[in-house]
Structure formats: structure tokens, C-alpha cells
Amino acid sequence: MIKGKKITRPNGLKAEDCAVFAQAASKYLSSVQIIKDNITVNAKSIMGLISLNIKKDDYVYLAVQGEDERSAFEALYDLL
């Protein structure tokens, strides 16, 4: 599954937000990736997420693939 989302958080995704997202993504067996400006990172990696420097109004894609992708996607999409 892959779906785009515009980031609406006033400060974008800061380090703490990235840590929460990576921790939540790590609970799933599926591969979880975030794509921004044609750069793909493993969403289970805090440093990978931070490296994207996601700001307010940026458009990112959440890509999830694996055996528990539906439940992972539903839980993680709302965290963005």
C-alpha cells in the first residue's frame, strides 16, 4: 500500500515525532518506508526519518508492504 499525505503539523516532523513514528513502525513485520522528493528511507530508522527534514506543507508518501500491511498502514498513516 502506498498513499501520499501533506504534513500539517506546525513544526513538521521533529526528532521526537520521528522517534515516535519509528518506534510505532518497528512493531510491525511489514516493510515501512517514507518517500519525500524521490528519497526513500526505512521508516523504522529514526535517523532515516530525521534525514528527510520533513517540514509543514511537505508532501510525503507512506509505503507499507508485508503480511500485516493493512493494520500497519492504518496505524501509521494517522501519525504523520
PDB file of N, CA and C in Angstrom:
ATOM      1  N   MET A   1       0.845  -1.173   0.000  1.00  0.00           N
ATOM      2  CA  MET A   1       0.000   0.000   0.000  1.00  0.00           C
ATOM      3  C   MET A   1       0.891   1.236   0.000  1.00  0.00           C
ATOM      4  N   ILE A   2       0.462   2.221  -0.749  1.00  0.00           N
ATOM      5  CA  ILE A   2       1.188   3.484  -0.759  1.00  0.00           C
ATOM      6  C   ILE A   2       0.175   4.619  -0.887  1.00  0.00           C
ATOM      7  N   LYS A   3       0.409   5.659  -0.106  1.00  0.00           N
ATOM      8  CA  LYS A   3      -0.507   6.796  -0.140  1.00  0.00           C
ATOM      9  C   LYS A   3       0.242   8.039   0.297  1.00  0.00           C
ATOM     10  N   GLY A   4      -0.050   9.148  -0.359  1.00  0.00           N
ATOM     11  CA  GLY A   4       0.588  10.405  -0.023  1.00  0.00           C
ATOM     12  C   GLY A   4      -0.171  11.170   1.042  1.00  0.00           C
ATOM     13  N   LYS A   5       0.542  12.077   1.695  1.00  0.00           N
ATOM     14  CA  LYS A   5      -0.085  12.909   2.717  1.00  0.00           C
ATOM     15  C   LYS A   5       0.678  14.222   2.846  1.00  0.00           C
ATOM     16  N   LYS A   6      -0.068  15.295   2.968  1.00  0.00           N
ATOM     17  CA  LYS A   6       0.531  16.607   3.208  1.00  0.00           C
ATOM     18  C   LYS A   6       0.708  16.768   4.715  1.00  0.00           C
ATOM     19  N   ILE A   7       1.890  17.173   5.125  1.00  0.00           N
ATOM     20  CA  ILE A   7       2.177  17.325   6.549  1.00  0.00           C
ATOM     21  C   ILE A   7       1.564  18.634   7.045  1.00  0.00           C
ATOM     22  N   THR A   8       0.740  18.541   8.074  1.00  0.00           N
ATOM     23  CA  THR A   8       0.038  19.720   8.583  1.00  0.00           C
ATOM     24  C   THR A   8       0.516  20.163   9.961  1.00  0.00           C
ATOM     25  N   ARG A   9       1.417  19.405  10.562  1.00  0.00           N
ATOM     26  CA  ARG A   9       1.936  19.800  11.877  1.00  0.00           C
ATOM     27  C   ARG A   9       2.658  21.137  11.734  1.00  0.00           C
ATOM     28  N   PRO A  10       2.413  22.082  12.638  1.00  0.00           N
ATOM     29  CA  PRO A  10       3.036  23.409  12.518  1.00  0.00           C
ATOM     30  C   PRO A  10       4.564  23.380  12.423  1.00  0.00           C
ATOM     31  N   ASN A  11       5.206  22.437  13.097  1.00  0.00           N
ATOM     32  CA  ASN A  11       6.665  22.353  13.073  1.00  0.00           C
ATOM     33  C   ASN A  11       7.176  21.189  12.228  1.00  0.00           C
ATOM     34  N   GLY A  12       6.324  20.572  11.439  1.00  0.00           N
ATOM     35  CA  GLY A  12       6.741  19.417  10.654  1.00  0.00           C
ATOM     36  C   GLY A  12       6.995  18.229  11.564  1.00  0.00           C
ATOM     37  N   LEU A  13       7.884  17.339  11.149  1.00  0.00           N
ATOM     38  CA  LEU A  13       8.249  16.190  11.976  1.00  0.00           C
ATOM     39  C   LEU A  13       9.618  16.448  12.594  1.00  0.00           C
ATOM     40  N   LYS A  14       9.626  16.733  13.855  1.00  0.00           N
ATOM     41  CA  LYS A  14      10.868  16.967  14.589  1.00  0.00           C
ATOM     42  C   LYS A  14      11.400  15.626  15.097  1.00  0.00           C
ATOM     43  N   ALA A  15      12.546  15.652  15.751  1.00  0.00           N
ATOM     44  CA  ALA A  15      13.207  14.421  16.202  1.00  0.00           C
ATOM     45  C   ALA A  15      12.293  13.564  17.076  1.00  0.00           C
ATOM     46  N   GLU A  16      11.575  14.195  17.978  1.00  0.00           N
ATOM     47  CA  GLU A  16      10.688  13.431  18.866  1.00  0.00           C
ATOM     48  C   GLU A  16       9.573  12.752  18.079  1.00  0.00           C
ATOM     49  N   ASP A  17       9.012  13.458  17.098  1.00  0.00           N
ATOM     50  CA  ASP A  17       7.968  12.874  16.255  1.00  0.00           C
ATOM     51  C   ASP A  17       8.522  11.694  15.455  1.00  0.00           C
ATOM     52  N   CYS A  18       9.735  11.858  14.944  1.00  0.00           N
ATOM     53  CA  CYS A  18      10.387  10.790  14.180  1.00  0.00           C
ATOM     54  C   CYS A  18      10.619   9.559  15.054  1.00  0.00           C
ATOM     55  N   ALA A  19      11.008   9.793  16.300  1.00  0.00           N
ATOM     56  CA  ALA A  19      11.253   8.684  17.229  1.00  0.00           C
ATOM     57  C   ALA A  19       9.954   7.925  17.508  1.00  0.00           C
ATOM     58  N   VAL A  20       8.875   8.652  17.727  1.00  0.00           N
ATOM     59  CA  VAL A  20       7.578   8.023  17.990  1.00  0.00           C
ATOM     60  C   VAL A  20       7.128   7.217  16.768  1.00  0.00           C
ATOM     61  N   PHE A  21       7.305   7.802  15.582  1.00  0.00           N
ATOM     62  CA  PHE A  21       6.890   7.117  14.354  1.00  0.00           C
ATOM     63  C   PHE A  21       7.724   5.852  14.129  1.00  0.00           C
ATOM     64  N   ALA A  22       9.039   5.964  14.272  1.00  0.00           N
ATOM     65  CA  ALA A  22       9.927   4.817  14.058  1.00  0.00           C
ATOM     66  C   ALA A  22       9.623   3.702  15.052  1.00  0.00           C
ATOM     67  N   GLN A  23       9.346   4.072  16.280  1.00  0.00           N
ATOM     68  CA  GLN A  23       9.030   3.079  17.308  1.00  0.00           C
ATOM     69  C   GLN A  23       7.720   2.357  16.955  1.00  0.00           C
ATOM     70  N   ALA A  24       6.735   3.123  16.505  1.00  0.00           N
ATOM     71  CA  ALA A  24       5.457   2.519  16.121  1.00  0.00           C
ATOM     72  C   ALA A  24       5.633   1.621  14.896  1.00  0.00           C
ATOM     73  N   ALA A  25       6.418   2.058  13.922  1.00  0.00           N
ATOM     74  CA  ALA A  25       6.647   1.270  12.708  1.00  0.00           C
ATOM     75  C   ALA A  25       7.375  -0.029  13.019  1.00  0.00           C
ATOM     76  N   SER A  26       8.239   0.000  14.010  1.00  0.00           N
ATOM     77  CA  SER A  26       9.036  -1.177  14.371  1.00  0.00           C
ATOM     78  C   SER A  26       8.198  -2.310  14.960  1.00  0.00           C
ATOM     79  N   LYS A  27       6.980  -2.008  15.348  1.00  0.00           N
ATOM     80  CA  LYS A  27       6.103  -3.028  15.924  1.00  0.00           C
ATOM     81  C   LYS A  27       5.534  -3.969  14.862  1.00  0.00           C
ATOM     82  N   TYR A  28       5.687  -3.595  13.586  1.00  0.00           N
ATOM     83  CA  TYR A  28       5.086  -4.370  12.508  1.00  0.00           C
ATOM     84  C   TYR A  28       6.137  -5.160  11.739  1.00  0.00           C
ATOM     85  N   LEU A  29       5.728  -6.288  11.196  1.00  0.00           N
ATOM     86  CA  LEU A  29       6.622  -7.128  10.401  1.00  0.00           C
ATOM     87  C   LEU A  29       6.833  -6.567   9.001  1.00  0.00           C
ATOM     88  N   SER A  30       5.872  -5.811   8.517  1.00  0.00           N
ATOM     89  CA  SER A  30       5.935  -5.267   7.166  1.00  0.00           C
ATOM     90  C   SER A  30       7.074  -4.276   7.000  1.00  0.00           C
ATOM     91  N   SER A  31       7.502  -4.125   5.748  1.00  0.00           N
ATOM     92  CA  SER A  31       8.454  -3.091   5.389  1.00  0.00           C
ATOM     93  C   SER A  31       7.706  -1.760   5.382  1.00  0.00           C
ATOM     94  N   VAL A  32       8.260  -0.751   6.054  1.00  0.00           N
ATOM     95  CA  VAL A  32       7.613   0.556   6.139  1.00  0.00           C
ATOM     96  C   VAL A  32       8.613   1.597   5.655  1.00  0.00           C
ATOM     97  N   GLN A  33       8.201   2.371   4.652  1.00  0.00           N
ATOM     98  CA  GLN A  33       9.081   3.388   4.094  1.00  0.00           C
ATOM     99  C   GLN A  33       8.358   4.715   3.966  1.00  0.00           C
ATOM    100  N   ILE A  34       9.129   5.785   4.089  1.00  0.00           N
ATOM    101  CA  ILE A  34       8.634   7.134   3.839  1.00  0.00           C
ATOM    102  C   ILE A  34       9.401   7.666   2.630  1.00  0.00           C
ATOM    103  N   ILE A  35       8.677   8.270   1.706  1.00  0.00           N
ATOM    104  CA  ILE A  35       9.278   8.805   0.487  1.00  0.00           C
ATOM    105  C   ILE A  35       9.008  10.307   0.432  1.00  0.00           C
ATOM    106  N   LYS A  36      10.080  11.081   0.254  1.00  0.00           N
ATOM    107  CA  LYS A  36       9.960  12.536   0.105  1.00  0.00           C
ATOM    108  C   LYS A  36      10.960  12.972  -0.956  1.00  0.00           C
ATOM    109  N   ASP A  37      10.485  13.710  -1.938  1.00  0.00           N
ATOM    110  CA  ASP A  37      11.352  14.218  -3.011  1.00  0.00           C
ATOM    111  C   ASP A  37      12.196  13.110  -3.640  1.00  0.00           C
ATOM    112  N   ASN A  38      11.575  11.984  -3.935  1.00  0.00           N
ATOM    113  CA  ASN A  38      12.238  10.827  -4.558  1.00  0.00           C
ATOM    114  C   ASN A  38      13.336  10.208  -3.695  1.00  0.00           C
ATOM    115  N   ILE A  39      13.332  10.491  -2.412  1.00  0.00           N
ATOM    116  CA  ILE A  39      14.260   9.868  -1.467  1.00  0.00           C
ATOM    117  C   ILE A  39      13.435   8.940  -0.581  1.00  0.00           C
ATOM    118  N   THR A  40      13.850   7.689  -0.517  1.00  0.00           N
ATOM    119  CA  THR A  40      13.136   6.681   0.257  1.00  0.00           C
ATOM    120  C   THR A  40      13.972   6.273   1.463  1.00  0.00           C
ATOM    121  N   VAL A  41      13.341   6.289   2.640  1.00  0.00           N
ATOM    122  CA  VAL A  41      14.043   5.854   3.852  1.00  0.00           C
ATOM    123  C   VAL A  41      13.218   4.804   4.575  1.00  0.00           C
ATOM    124  N   ASN A  42      13.909   3.981   5.333  1.00  0.00           N
ATOM    125  CA  ASN A  42      13.269   2.989   6.187  1.00  0.00           C
ATOM    126  C   ASN A  42      12.619   3.744   7.347  1.00  0.00           C
ATOM    127  N   ALA A  43      11.307   3.660   7.456  1.00  0.00           N
ATOM    128  CA  ALA A  43      10.589   4.404   8.488  1.00  0.00           C
ATOM    129  C   ALA A  43      10.790   3.828   9.880  1.00  0.00           C
ATOM    130  N   LYS A  44      11.485   2.703   9.982  1.00  0.00           N
ATOM    131  CA  LYS A  44      11.801   2.139  11.290  1.00  0.00           C
ATOM    132  C   LYS A  44      13.111   2.707  11.821  1.00  0.00           C
ATOM    133  N   SER A  45      13.737   3.585  11.042  1.00  0.00           N
ATOM    134  CA  SER A  45      15.002   4.217  11.406  1.00  0.00           C
ATOM    135  C   SER A  45      14.779   5.677  11.785  1.00  0.00           C
ATOM    136  N   ILE A  46      15.049   6.008  13.021  1.00  0.00           N
ATOM    137  CA  ILE A  46      14.890   7.390  13.475  1.00  0.00           C
ATOM    138  C   ILE A  46      15.772   8.314  12.647  1.00  0.00           C
ATOM    139  N   MET A  47      17.017   7.927  12.444  1.00  0.00           N
ATOM    140  CA  MET A  47      17.944   8.780  11.697  1.00  0.00           C
ATOM    141  C   MET A  47      17.509   8.938  10.237  1.00  0.00           C
ATOM    142  N   GLY A  48      16.963   7.888   9.673  1.00  0.00           N
ATOM    143  CA  GLY A  48      16.455   7.981   8.305  1.00  0.00           C
ATOM    144  C   GLY A  48      15.341   9.000   8.194  1.00  0.00           C
ATOM    145  N   LEU A  49      14.420   8.967   9.146  1.00  0.00           N
ATOM    146  CA  LEU A  49      13.310   9.920   9.141  1.00  0.00           C
ATOM    147  C   LEU A  49      13.804  11.345   9.363  1.00  0.00           C
ATOM    148  N   ILE A  50      14.709  11.527  10.299  1.00  0.00           N
ATOM    149  CA  ILE A  50      15.246  12.859  10.574  1.00  0.00           C
ATOM    150  C   ILE A  50      15.947  13.414   9.339  1.00  0.00           C
ATOM    151  N   SER A  51      16.640  12.540   8.601  1.00  0.00           N
ATOM    152  CA  SER A  51      17.394  12.990   7.428  1.00  0.00           C
ATOM    153  C   SER A  51      16.502  13.564   6.332  1.00  0.00           C
ATOM    154  N   LEU A  52      15.220  13.221   6.337  1.00  0.00           N
ATOM    155  CA  LEU A  52      14.305  13.763   5.335  1.00  0.00           C
ATOM    156  C   LEU A  52      13.935  15.220   5.605  1.00  0.00           C
ATOM    157  N   ASN A  53      14.142  15.683   6.843  1.00  0.00           N
ATOM    158  CA  ASN A  53      13.857  17.075   7.207  1.00  0.00           C
ATOM    159  C   ASN A  53      12.436  17.466   6.767  1.00  0.00           C
ATOM    160  N   ILE A  54      11.466  16.742   7.272  1.00  0.00           N
ATOM    161  CA  ILE A  54      10.068  16.936   6.873  1.00  0.00           C
ATOM    162  C   ILE A  54       9.493  18.161   7.586  1.00  0.00           C
ATOM    163  N   LYS A  55       9.038  19.114   6.787  1.00  0.00           N
ATOM    164  CA  LYS A  55       8.505  20.377   7.306  1.00  0.00           C
ATOM    165  C   LYS A  55       7.018  20.486   7.006  1.00  0.00           C
ATOM    166  N   LYS A  56       6.390  21.479   7.631  1.00  0.00           N
ATOM    167  CA  LYS A  56       4.971  21.742   7.389  1.00  0.00           C
ATOM    168  C   LYS A  56       4.751  21.994   5.895  1.00  0.00           C
ATOM    169  N   ASP A  57       3.671  21.446   5.384  1.00  0.00           N
ATOM    170  CA  ASP A  57       3.262  21.557   3.987  1.00  0.00           C
ATOM    171  C   ASP A  57       4.084  20.699   3.019  1.00  0.00           C
ATOM    172  N   ASP A  58       5.054  19.925   3.524  1.00  0.00           N
ATOM    173  CA  ASP A  58       5.748  18.965   2.666  1.00  0.00           C
ATOM    174  C   ASP A  58       4.779  17.834   2.337  1.00  0.00           C
ATOM    175  N   TYR A  59       4.976  17.218   1.191  1.00  0.00           N
ATOM    176  CA  TYR A  59       4.157  16.094   0.771  1.00  0.00           C
ATOM    177  C   TYR A  59       5.021  14.844   0.812  1.00  0.00           C
ATOM    178  N   VAL A  60       4.596  13.855   1.568  1.00  0.00           N
ATOM    179  CA  VAL A  60       5.346  12.605   1.695  1.00  0.00           C
ATOM    180  C   VAL A  60       4.435  11.433   1.353  1.00  0.00           C
ATOM    181  N   TYR A  61       5.062  10.299   1.057  1.00  0.00           N
ATOM    182  CA  TYR A  61       4.328   9.069   0.797  1.00  0.00           C
ATOM    183  C   TYR A  61       4.690   8.044   1.856  1.00  0.00           C
ATOM    184  N   LEU A  62       3.681   7.334   2.319  1.00  0.00           N
ATOM    185  CA  LEU A  62       3.880   6.214   3.226  1.00  0.00           C
ATOM    186  C   LEU A  62       3.681   4.943   2.409  1.00  0.00           C
ATOM    187  N   ALA A  63       4.701   4.099   2.389  1.00  0.00           N
ATOM    188  CA  ALA A  63       4.628   2.833   1.650  1.00  0.00           C
ATOM    189  C   ALA A  63       4.816   1.681   2.638  1.00  0.00           C
ATOM    190  N   VAL A  64       3.862   0.768   2.656  1.00  0.00           N
ATOM    191  CA  VAL A  64       3.909  -0.383   3.564  1.00  0.00           C
ATOM    192  C   VAL A  64       3.669  -1.646   2.752  1.00  0.00           C
ATOM    193  N   GLN A  65       4.530  -2.636   2.966  1.00  0.00           N
ATOM    194  CA  GLN A  65       4.389  -3.882   2.229  1.00  0.00           C
ATOM    195  C   GLN A  65       4.767  -5.053   3.131  1.00  0.00           C
ATOM    196  N   GLY A  66       3.874  -6.031   3.202  1.00  0.00           N
ATOM    197  CA  GLY A  66       4.165  -7.213   4.010  1.00  0.00           C
ATOM    198  C   GLY A  66       2.898  -7.862   4.534  1.00  0.00           C
ATOM    199  N   GLU A  67       3.093  -8.809   5.425  1.00  0.00           N
ATOM    200  CA  GLU A  67       1.957  -9.614   5.881  1.00  0.00           C
ATOM    201  C   GLU A  67       0.962  -8.876   6.772  1.00  0.00           C
ATOM    202  N   ASP A  68       1.385  -7.827   7.454  1.00  0.00           N
ATOM    203  CA  ASP A  68       0.450  -7.063   8.298  1.00  0.00           C
ATOM    204  C   ASP A  68       0.314  -5.622   7.799  1.00  0.00           C
ATOM    205  N   GLU A  69       0.414  -5.456   6.477  1.00  0.00           N
ATOM    206  CA  GLU A  69       0.451  -4.113   5.915  1.00  0.00           C
ATOM    207  C   GLU A  69      -0.808  -3.286   6.176  1.00  0.00           C
ATOM    208  N   ARG A  70      -1.965  -3.910   6.136  1.00  0.00           N
ATOM    209  CA  ARG A  70      -3.195  -3.125   6.333  1.00  0.00           C
ATOM    210  C   ARG A  70      -3.243  -2.501   7.726  1.00  0.00           C
ATOM    211  N   SER A  71      -3.008  -3.292   8.755  1.00  0.00           N
ATOM    212  CA  SER A  71      -3.062  -2.759  10.122  1.00  0.00           C
ATOM    213  C   SER A  71      -1.922  -1.771  10.354  1.00  0.00           C
ATOM    214  N   ALA A  72      -0.756  -2.047   9.802  1.00  0.00           N
ATOM    215  CA  ALA A  72       0.370  -1.123   9.941  1.00  0.00           C
ATOM    216  C   ALA A  72       0.061   0.197   9.262  1.00  0.00           C
ATOM    217  N   PHE A  73      -0.451   0.117   8.052  1.00  0.00           N
ATOM    218  CA  PHE A  73      -0.747   1.335   7.292  1.00  0.00           C
ATOM    219  C   PHE A  73      -1.773   2.206   8.014  1.00  0.00           C
ATOM    220  N   GLU A  74      -2.821   1.583   8.494  1.00  0.00           N
ATOM    221  CA  GLU A  74      -3.892   2.335   9.169  1.00  0.00           C
ATOM    222  C   GLU A  74      -3.370   3.024  10.425  1.00  0.00           C
ATOM    223  N   ALA A  75      -2.518   2.359  11.179  1.00  0.00           N
ATOM    224  CA  ALA A  75      -1.993   2.937  12.416  1.00  0.00           C
ATOM    225  C   ALA A  75      -0.964   4.028  12.125  1.00  0.00           C
ATOM    226  N   LEU A  76      -0.122   3.812  11.144  1.00  0.00           N
ATOM    227  CA  LEU A  76       0.987   4.736  10.901  1.00  0.00           C
ATOM    228  C   LEU A  76       0.579   5.979  10.101  1.00  0.00           C
ATOM    229  N   TYR A  77      -0.361   5.839   9.220  1.00  0.00           N
ATOM    230  CA  TYR A  77      -0.780   6.984   8.389  1.00  0.00           C
ATOM    231  C   TYR A  77      -1.255   8.136   9.262  1.00  0.00           C
ATOM    232  N   ASP A  78      -1.974   7.808  10.315  1.00  0.00           N
ATOM    233  CA  ASP A  78      -2.502   8.844  11.204  1.00  0.00           C
ATOM    234  C   ASP A  78      -1.417   9.527  12.032  1.00  0.00           C
ATOM    235  N   LEU A  79      -0.246   8.894  12.169  1.00  0.00           N
ATOM    236  CA  LEU A  79       0.850   9.501  12.935  1.00  0.00           C
ATOM    237  C   LEU A  79       1.598  10.570  12.146  1.00  0.00           C
ATOM    238  N   LEU A  80       1.421  10.586  10.852  1.00  0.00           N
ATOM    239  CA  LEU A  80       2.132  11.583  10.038  1.00  0.00           C
ATOM    240  C   LEU A  80       1.538  12.967  10.184  1.00  0.00           C
TER     241      LEU A  80
END
